[in-house]
Amino acid sequence: MKQEIEIIQYDENIGIQFNWEENFAIEVKNEGGEVIISANSEGLLSLAKHLLTLAQNEVPVGAHIHLDEYNSLEEGSIGLIIEKRN
């Protein structure tokens, strides 16, 4: 299967722009010291696009996305930070 995913090109004047799929749902929880990320198809596609966005060569090290129940995750989710490093 081949899936085409469109990501927004990084622009240092604007910063990172993330593109969410409609009707996405993502939950992050800690069970017994293990982090579980569960999402519907739209949520998984959104996360894939976010990872590809951060992976762009032009995106500076330290750039990140911070998600929690007040920003894009389901109620009761623990916070999730995805950060670009060297």
PDB file of N, CA and C in Angstrom:
ATOM      1  N   MET A   1       0.842  -1.183   0.000  1.00  0.00           N
ATOM      2  CA  MET A   1       0.000   0.000   0.000  1.00  0.00           C
ATOM      3  C   MET A   1       0.882   1.239   0.000  1.00  0.00           C
ATOM      4  N   LYS A   2       0.499   2.209  -0.769  1.00  0.00           N
ATOM      5  CA  LYS A   2       1.221   3.479  -0.819  1.00  0.00           C
ATOM      6  C   LYS A   2       0.278   4.566  -0.340  1.00  0.00           C
ATOM      7  N   GLN A   3       0.740   5.368   0.612  1.00  0.00           N
ATOM      8  CA  GLN A   3      -0.053   6.465   1.168  1.00  0.00           C
ATOM      9  C   GLN A   3       0.706   7.756   0.948  1.00  0.00           C
ATOM     10  N   GLU A   4       0.084   8.734   0.348  1.00  0.00           N
ATOM     11  CA  GLU A   4       0.709  10.040   0.192  1.00  0.00           C
ATOM     12  C   GLU A   4       0.270  10.932   1.334  1.00  0.00           C
ATOM     13  N   ILE A   5       1.259  11.592   1.939  1.00  0.00           N
ATOM     14  CA  ILE A   5       0.982  12.485   3.055  1.00  0.00           C
ATOM     15  C   ILE A   5       1.558  13.851   2.715  1.00  0.00           C
ATOM     16  N   GLU A   6       0.744  14.875   2.835  1.00  0.00           N
ATOM     17  CA  GLU A   6       1.203  16.234   2.571  1.00  0.00           C
ATOM     18  C   GLU A   6       1.548  16.908   3.881  1.00  0.00           C
ATOM     19  N   ILE A   7       2.770  17.443   3.959  1.00  0.00           N
ATOM     20  CA  ILE A   7       3.178  18.184   5.135  1.00  0.00           C
ATOM     21  C   ILE A   7       3.471  19.620   4.725  1.00  0.00           C
ATOM     22  N   ILE A   8       3.383  20.512   5.689  1.00  0.00           N
ATOM     23  CA  ILE A   8       3.621  21.926   5.428  1.00  0.00           C
ATOM     24  C   ILE A   8       5.120  22.191   5.534  1.00  0.00           C
ATOM     25  N   GLN A   9       5.695  22.781   4.503  1.00  0.00           N
ATOM     26  CA  GLN A   9       7.121  23.098   4.472  1.00  0.00           C
ATOM     27  C   GLN A   9       7.452  24.078   5.587  1.00  0.00           C
ATOM     28  N   TYR A  10       8.525  23.808   6.316  1.00  0.00           N
ATOM     29  CA  TYR A  10       8.963  24.688   7.404  1.00  0.00           C
ATOM     30  C   TYR A  10       9.393  26.041   6.844  1.00  0.00           C
ATOM     31  N   ASP A  11       8.986  27.103   7.527  1.00  0.00           N
ATOM     32  CA  ASP A  11       9.366  28.467   7.175  1.00  0.00           C
ATOM     33  C   ASP A  11       9.833  29.141   8.458  1.00  0.00           C
ATOM     34  N   GLU A  12      11.110  29.535   8.512  1.00  0.00           N
ATOM     35  CA  GLU A  12      11.663  30.111   9.746  1.00  0.00           C
ATOM     36  C   GLU A  12      10.947  31.387  10.164  1.00  0.00           C
ATOM     37  N   ASN A  13      10.295  32.079   9.231  1.00  0.00           N
ATOM     38  CA  ASN A  13       9.557  33.301   9.566  1.00  0.00           C
ATOM     39  C   ASN A  13       8.209  33.011  10.211  1.00  0.00           C
ATOM     40  N   ILE A  14       7.662  31.849   9.929  1.00  0.00           N
ATOM     41  CA  ILE A  14       6.354  31.466  10.468  1.00  0.00           C
ATOM     42  C   ILE A  14       6.509  30.457  11.596  1.00  0.00           C
ATOM     43  N   GLY A  15       7.501  29.595  11.486  1.00  0.00           N
ATOM     44  CA  GLY A  15       7.685  28.519  12.456  1.00  0.00           C
ATOM     45  C   GLY A  15       7.049  27.234  11.948  1.00  0.00           C
ATOM     46  N   ILE A  16       6.927  26.291  12.829  1.00  0.00           N
ATOM     47  CA  ILE A  16       6.366  24.990  12.460  1.00  0.00           C
ATOM     48  C   ILE A  16       4.849  25.103  12.399  1.00  0.00           C
ATOM     49  N   GLN A  17       4.280  24.545  11.352  1.00  0.00           N
ATOM     50  CA  GLN A  17       2.831  24.498  11.201  1.00  0.00           C
ATOM     51  C   GLN A  17       2.411  23.029  11.111  1.00  0.00           C
ATOM     52  N   PHE A  18       1.528  22.632  11.989  1.00  0.00           N
ATOM     53  CA  PHE A  18       1.055  21.254  11.997  1.00  0.00           C
ATOM     54  C   PHE A  18      -0.328  21.182  11.380  1.00  0.00           C
ATOM     55  N   ASN A  19      -0.581  20.088  10.672  1.00  0.00           N
ATOM     56  CA  ASN A  19      -1.825  19.886   9.958  1.00  0.00           C
ATOM     57  C   ASN A  19      -2.539  18.677  10.545  1.00  0.00           C
ATOM     58  N   TRP A  20      -3.716  18.893  11.079  1.00  0.00           N
ATOM     59  CA  TRP A  20      -4.494  17.823  11.714  1.00  0.00           C
ATOM     60  C   TRP A  20      -5.545  17.277  10.752  1.00  0.00           C
ATOM     61  N   GLU A  21      -5.757  15.987  10.786  1.00  0.00           N
ATOM     62  CA  GLU A  21      -6.839  15.357  10.050  1.00  0.00           C
ATOM     63  C   GLU A  21      -8.150  15.649  10.779  1.00  0.00           C
ATOM     64  N   GLU A  22      -9.222  15.818  10.029  1.00  0.00           N
ATOM     65  CA  GLU A  22     -10.535  16.021  10.646  1.00  0.00           C
ATOM     66  C   GLU A  22     -10.912  14.798  11.469  1.00  0.00           C
ATOM     67  N   ASN A  23     -11.592  15.051  12.591  1.00  0.00           N
ATOM     68  CA  ASN A  23     -12.121  14.006  13.465  1.00  0.00           C
ATOM     69  C   ASN A  23     -11.046  13.132  14.113  1.00  0.00           C
ATOM     70  N   PHE A  24      -9.825  13.683  14.278  1.00  0.00           N
ATOM     71  CA  PHE A  24      -8.761  12.909  14.919  1.00  0.00           C
ATOM     72  C   PHE A  24      -9.075  12.712  16.402  1.00  0.00           C
ATOM     73  N   ALA A  25      -8.596  11.616  16.944  1.00  0.00           N
ATOM     74  CA  ALA A  25      -8.710  11.337  18.376  1.00  0.00           C
ATOM     75  C   ALA A  25      -7.432  10.629  18.806  1.00  0.00           C
ATOM     76  N   ILE A  26      -6.791  11.183  19.844  1.00  0.00           N
ATOM     77  CA  ILE A  26      -5.538  10.629  20.345  1.00  0.00           C
ATOM     78  C   ILE A  26      -5.595  10.643  21.870  1.00  0.00           C
ATOM     79  N   GLU A  27      -5.209   9.531  22.466  1.00  0.00           N
ATOM     80  CA  GLU A  27      -5.131   9.427  23.922  1.00  0.00           C
ATOM     81  C   GLU A  27      -3.739   8.920  24.286  1.00  0.00           C
ATOM     82  N   VAL A  28      -3.162   9.509  25.326  1.00  0.00           N
ATOM     83  CA  VAL A  28      -1.855   9.071  25.812  1.00  0.00           C
ATOM     84  C   VAL A  28      -2.009   8.771  27.297  1.00  0.00           C
ATOM     85  N   LYS A  29      -1.583   7.572  27.693  1.00  0.00           N
ATOM     86  CA  LYS A  29      -1.665   7.211  29.108  1.00  0.00           C
ATOM     87  C   LYS A  29      -0.430   6.443  29.531  1.00  0.00           C
ATOM     88  N   ASN A  30      -0.227   6.406  30.838  1.00  0.00           N
ATOM     89  CA  ASN A  30       0.886   5.686  31.441  1.00  0.00           C
ATOM     90  C   ASN A  30       0.285   4.522  32.215  1.00  0.00           C
ATOM     91  N   GLU A  31       0.607   3.313  31.791  1.00  0.00           N
ATOM     92  CA  GLU A  31       0.116   2.126  32.481  1.00  0.00           C
ATOM     93  C   GLU A  31       1.305   1.273  32.890  1.00  0.00           C
ATOM     94  N   GLY A  32       1.571   1.235  34.187  1.00  0.00           N
ATOM     95  CA  GLY A  32       2.658   0.425  34.695  1.00  0.00           C
ATOM     96  C   GLY A  32       4.020   0.854  34.199  1.00  0.00           C
ATOM     97  N   GLY A  33       4.206   2.156  33.997  1.00  0.00           N
ATOM     98  CA  GLY A  33       5.492   2.663  33.535  1.00  0.00           C
ATOM     99  C   GLY A  33       5.682   2.621  32.026  1.00  0.00           C
ATOM    100  N   GLU A  34       4.664   2.179  31.308  1.00  0.00           N
ATOM    101  CA  GLU A  34       4.731   2.164  29.848  1.00  0.00           C
ATOM    102  C   GLU A  34       3.785   3.219  29.289  1.00  0.00           C
ATOM    103  N   VAL A  35       4.242   3.932  28.294  1.00  0.00           N
ATOM    104  CA  VAL A  35       3.415   4.953  27.649  1.00  0.00           C
ATOM    105  C   VAL A  35       2.625   4.290  26.529  1.00  0.00           C
ATOM    106  N   ILE A  36       1.330   4.510  26.540  1.00  0.00           N
ATOM    107  CA  ILE A  36       0.450   3.960  25.502  1.00  0.00           C
ATOM    108  C   ILE A  36      -0.168   5.130  24.742  1.00  0.00           C
ATOM    109  N   ILE A  37       0.050   5.136  23.439  1.00  0.00           N
ATOM    110  CA  ILE A  37      -0.576   6.124  22.565  1.00  0.00           C
ATOM    111  C   ILE A  37      -1.622   5.365  21.765  1.00  0.00           C
ATOM    112  N   SER A  38      -2.884   5.728  21.957  1.00  0.00           N
ATOM    113  CA  SER A  38      -3.943   5.086  21.177  1.00  0.00           C
ATOM    114  C   SER A  38      -4.677   6.170  20.395  1.00  0.00           C
ATOM    115  N   ALA A  39      -4.965   5.860  19.146  1.00  0.00           N
ATOM    116  CA  ALA A  39      -5.569   6.866  18.274  1.00  0.00           C
ATOM    117  C   ALA A  39      -6.400   6.190  17.196  1.00  0.00           C
ATOM    118  N   ASN A  40      -7.378   6.941  16.697  1.00  0.00           N
ATOM    119  CA  ASN A  40      -8.113   6.449  15.533  1.00  0.00           C
ATOM    120  C   ASN A  40      -7.245   6.688  14.294  1.00  0.00           C
ATOM    121  N   SER A  41      -7.721   6.274  13.138  1.00  0.00           N
ATOM    122  CA  SER A  41      -6.928   6.408  11.903  1.00  0.00           C
ATOM    123  C   SER A  41      -6.532   7.857  11.638  1.00  0.00           C
ATOM    124  N   GLU A  42      -7.456   8.773  11.867  1.00  0.00           N
ATOM    125  CA  GLU A  42      -7.163  10.189  11.641  1.00  0.00           C
ATOM    126  C   GLU A  42      -6.106  10.696  12.628  1.00  0.00           C
ATOM    127  N   GLY A  43      -6.148  10.207  13.848  1.00  0.00           N
ATOM    128  CA  GLY A  43      -5.142  10.579  14.837  1.00  0.00           C
ATOM    129  C   GLY A  43      -3.773  10.046  14.479  1.00  0.00           C
ATOM    130  N   LEU A  44      -3.713   8.801  14.008  1.00  0.00           N
ATOM    131  CA  LEU A  44      -2.436   8.218  13.603  1.00  0.00           C
ATOM    132  C   LEU A  44      -1.847   8.944  12.403  1.00  0.00           C
ATOM    133  N   LEU A  45      -2.684   9.300  11.427  1.00  0.00           N
ATOM    134  CA  LEU A  45      -2.198  10.072  10.281  1.00  0.00           C
ATOM    135  C   LEU A  45      -1.698  11.451  10.712  1.00  0.00           C
ATOM    136  N   SER A  46      -2.404  12.072  11.643  1.00  0.00           N
ATOM    137  CA  SER A  46      -1.971  13.371  12.150  1.00  0.00           C
ATOM    138  C   SER A  46      -0.608  13.257  12.820  1.00  0.00           C
ATOM    139  N   LEU A  47      -0.417  12.248  13.669  1.00  0.00           N
ATOM    140  CA  LEU A  47       0.871  12.056  14.327  1.00  0.00           C
ATOM    141  C   LEU A  47       1.976  11.780  13.314  1.00  0.00           C
ATOM    142  N   ALA A  48       1.671  10.988  12.289  1.00  0.00           N
ATOM    143  CA  ALA A  48       2.663  10.703  11.241  1.00  0.00           C
ATOM    144  C   ALA A  48       3.084  11.998  10.553  1.00  0.00           C
ATOM    145  N   LYS A  49       2.134  12.861  10.256  1.00  0.00           N
ATOM    146  CA  LYS A  49       2.453  14.135   9.606  1.00  0.00           C
ATOM    147  C   LYS A  49       3.274  15.024  10.525  1.00  0.00           C
ATOM    148  N   HIS A  50       2.967  15.011  11.819  1.00  0.00           N
ATOM    149  CA  HIS A  50       3.720  15.829  12.773  1.00  0.00           C
ATOM    150  C   HIS A  50       5.172  15.355  12.852  1.00  0.00           C
ATOM    151  N   LEU A  51       5.381  14.046  12.861  1.00  0.00           N
ATOM    152  CA  LEU A  51       6.739  13.497  12.900  1.00  0.00           C
ATOM    153  C   LEU A  51       7.504  13.880  11.640  1.00  0.00           C
ATOM    154  N   LEU A  52       6.855  13.784  10.488  1.00  0.00           N
ATOM    155  CA  LEU A  52       7.505  14.163   9.233  1.00  0.00           C
ATOM    156  C   LEU A  52       7.788  15.664   9.178  1.00  0.00           C
ATOM    157  N   THR A  53       6.909  16.452   9.746  1.00  0.00           N
ATOM    158  CA  THR A  53       7.126  17.896   9.805  1.00  0.00           C
ATOM    159  C   THR A  53       8.364  18.205  10.630  1.00  0.00           C
ATOM    160  N   LEU A  54       8.477  17.597  11.809  1.00  0.00           N
ATOM    161  CA  LEU A  54       9.651  17.821  12.657  1.00  0.00           C
ATOM    162  C   LEU A  54      10.928  17.297  12.021  1.00  0.00           C
ATOM    163  N   ALA A  55      10.834  16.276  11.180  1.00  0.00           N
ATOM    164  CA  ALA A  55      12.009  15.653  10.573  1.00  0.00           C
ATOM    165  C   ALA A  55      12.609  16.463   9.431  1.00  0.00           C
ATOM    166  N   GLN A  56      11.936  17.504   8.972  1.00  0.00           N
ATOM    167  CA  GLN A  56      12.471  18.311   7.877  1.00  0.00           C
ATOM    168  C   GLN A  56      13.840  18.870   8.262  1.00  0.00           C
ATOM    169  N   ASN A  57      14.768  18.854   7.325  1.00  0.00           N
ATOM    170  CA  ASN A  57      16.129  19.331   7.590  1.00  0.00           C
ATOM    171  C   ASN A  57      16.159  20.771   8.079  1.00  0.00           C
ATOM    172  N   GLU A  58      15.245  21.587   7.618  1.00  0.00           N
ATOM    173  CA  GLU A  58      15.232  23.009   7.963  1.00  0.00           C
ATOM    174  C   GLU A  58      14.735  23.264   9.389  1.00  0.00           C
ATOM    175  N   VAL A  59      14.024  22.315   9.969  1.00  0.00           N
ATOM    176  CA  VAL A  59      13.494  22.484  11.327  1.00  0.00           C
ATOM    177  C   VAL A  59      14.658  22.411  12.315  1.00  0.00           C
ATOM    178  N   PRO A  60      14.805  23.420  13.178  1.00  0.00           N
ATOM    179  CA  PRO A  60      15.956  23.441  14.085  1.00  0.00           C
ATOM    180  C   PRO A  60      15.851  22.391  15.198  1.00  0.00           C
ATOM    181  N   VAL A  61      17.023  21.953  15.656  1.00  0.00           N
ATOM    182  CA  VAL A  61      17.093  21.059  16.802  1.00  0.00           C
ATOM    183  C   VAL A  61      16.436  21.757  17.993  1.00  0.00           C
ATOM    184  N   GLY A  62      15.690  21.019  18.770  1.00  0.00           N
ATOM    185  CA  GLY A  62      14.981  21.581  19.916  1.00  0.00           C
ATOM    186  C   GLY A  62      13.533  21.927  19.612  1.00  0.00           C
ATOM    187  N   ALA A  63      13.190  22.012  18.331  1.00  0.00           N
ATOM    188  CA  ALA A  63      11.791  22.263  17.965  1.00  0.00           C
ATOM    189  C   ALA A  63      10.960  21.093  18.471  1.00  0.00           C
ATOM    190  N   HIS A  64       9.747  21.380  18.897  1.00  0.00           N
ATOM    191  CA  HIS A  64       8.935  20.308  19.474  1.00  0.00           C
ATOM    192  C   HIS A  64       7.445  20.609  19.334  1.00  0.00           C
ATOM    193  N   ILE A  65       6.683  19.584  19.606  1.00  0.00           N
ATOM    194  CA  ILE A  65       5.236  19.721  19.731  1.00  0.00           C
ATOM    195  C   ILE A  65       4.875  19.207  21.113  1.00  0.00           C
ATOM    196  N   HIS A  66       4.055  19.959  21.815  1.00  0.00           N
ATOM    197  CA  HIS A  66       3.642  19.606  23.165  1.00  0.00           C
ATOM    198  C   HIS A  66       2.125  19.402  23.150  1.00  0.00           C
ATOM    199  N   LEU A  67       1.721  18.185  23.406  1.00  0.00           N
ATOM    200  CA  LEU A  67       0.298  17.843  23.410  1.00  0.00           C
ATOM    201  C   LEU A  67      -0.130  17.450  24.817  1.00  0.00           C
ATOM    202  N   ASP A  68      -1.338  17.815  25.195  1.00  0.00           N
ATOM    203  CA  ASP A  68      -1.929  17.369  26.459  1.00  0.00           C
ATOM    204  C   ASP A  68      -3.443  17.420  26.322  1.00  0.00           C
ATOM    205  N   GLU A  69      -4.136  17.133  27.413  1.00  0.00           N
ATOM    206  CA  GLU A  69      -5.593  17.075  27.315  1.00  0.00           C
ATOM    207  C   GLU A  69      -6.215  18.433  27.015  1.00  0.00           C
ATOM    208  N   TYR A  70      -5.460  19.505  27.188  1.00  0.00           N
ATOM    209  CA  TYR A  70      -5.957  20.842  26.871  1.00  0.00           C
ATOM    210  C   TYR A  70      -5.533  21.284  25.473  1.00  0.00           C
ATOM    211  N   ASN A  71      -4.674  20.480  24.842  1.00  0.00           N
ATOM    212  CA  ASN A  71      -4.182  20.795  23.499  1.00  0.00           C
ATOM    213  C   ASN A  71      -4.127  19.516  22.666  1.00  0.00           C
ATOM    214  N   SER A  72      -5.251  19.120  22.131  1.00  0.00           N
ATOM    215  CA  SER A  72      -5.348  18.097  21.092  1.00  0.00           C
ATOM    216  C   SER A  72      -5.488  16.650  21.567  1.00  0.00           C
ATOM    217  N   LEU A  73      -5.219  16.337  22.823  1.00  0.00           N
ATOM    218  CA  LEU A  73      -5.386  14.956  23.280  1.00  0.00           C
ATOM    219  C   LEU A  73      -6.725  14.786  23.989  1.00  0.00           C
ATOM    220  N   GLU A  74      -7.154  13.544  24.097  1.00  0.00           N
ATOM    221  CA  GLU A  74      -8.409  13.230  24.772  1.00  0.00           C
ATOM    222  C   GLU A  74      -8.327  13.578  26.260  1.00  0.00           C
ATOM    223  N   GLU A  75      -9.462  13.883  26.846  1.00  0.00           N
ATOM    224  CA  GLU A  75      -9.532  14.192  28.270  1.00  0.00           C
ATOM    225  C   GLU A  75      -8.939  13.048  29.089  1.00  0.00           C
ATOM    226  N   GLY A  76      -8.147  13.389  30.092  1.00  0.00           N
ATOM    227  CA  GLY A  76      -7.519  12.389  30.945  1.00  0.00           C
ATOM    228  C   GLY A  76      -6.162  11.916  30.452  1.00  0.00           C
ATOM    229  N   SER A  77      -5.747  12.382  29.278  1.00  0.00           N
ATOM    230  CA  SER A  77      -4.442  11.995  28.731  1.00  0.00           C
ATOM    231  C   SER A  77      -3.316  12.658  29.523  1.00  0.00           C
ATOM    232  N   ILE A  78      -2.172  11.979  29.572  1.00  0.00           N
ATOM    233  CA  ILE A  78      -0.975  12.607  30.120  1.00  0.00           C
ATOM    234  C   ILE A  78      -0.323  13.405  28.994  1.00  0.00           C
ATOM    235  N   GLY A  79       0.545  14.337  29.359  1.00  0.00           N
ATOM    236  CA  GLY A  79       1.218  15.162  28.366  1.00  0.00           C
ATOM    237  C   GLY A  79       2.200  14.348  27.519  1.00  0.00           C
ATOM    238  N   LEU A  80       2.374  14.793  26.288  1.00  0.00           N
ATOM    239  CA  LEU A  80       3.308  14.162  25.364  1.00  0.00           C
ATOM    240  C   LEU A  80       4.096  15.259  24.666  1.00  0.00           C
ATOM    241  N   ILE A  81       5.425  15.177  24.743  1.00  0.00           N
ATOM    242  CA  ILE A  81       6.292  16.111  24.031  1.00  0.00           C
ATOM    243  C   ILE A  81       7.124  15.311  23.041  1.00  0.00           C
ATOM    244  N   ILE A  82       7.096  15.741  21.785  1.00  0.00           N
ATOM    245  CA  ILE A  82       7.917  15.131  20.746  1.00  0.00           C
ATOM    246  C   ILE A  82       8.880  16.216  20.297  1.00  0.00           C
ATOM    247  N   GLU A  83      10.192  15.950  20.441  1.00  0.00           N
ATOM    248  CA  GLU A  83      11.198  16.971  20.196  1.00  0.00           C
ATOM    249  C   GLU A  83      12.236  16.473  19.192  1.00  0.00           C
ATOM    250  N   LYS A  84      12.685  17.391  18.337  1.00  0.00           N
ATOM    251  CA  LYS A  84      13.751  17.067  17.392  1.00  0.00           C
ATOM    252  C   LYS A  84      15.099  17.238  18.065  1.00  0.00           C
ATOM    253  N   ARG A  85      15.980  16.275  17.877  1.00  0.00           N
ATOM    254  CA  ARG A  85      17.332  16.354  18.401  1.00  0.00           C
ATOM    255  C   ARG A  85      18.322  15.966  17.331  1.00  0.00           C
ATOM    256  N   ASN A  86      19.598  16.128  17.616  1.00  0.00           N
ATOM    257  CA  ASN A  86      20.650  15.721  16.675  1.00  0.00           C
ATOM    258  C   ASN A  86      20.642  14.222  16.501  1.00  0.00           C
TER     259      ASN A  86
END
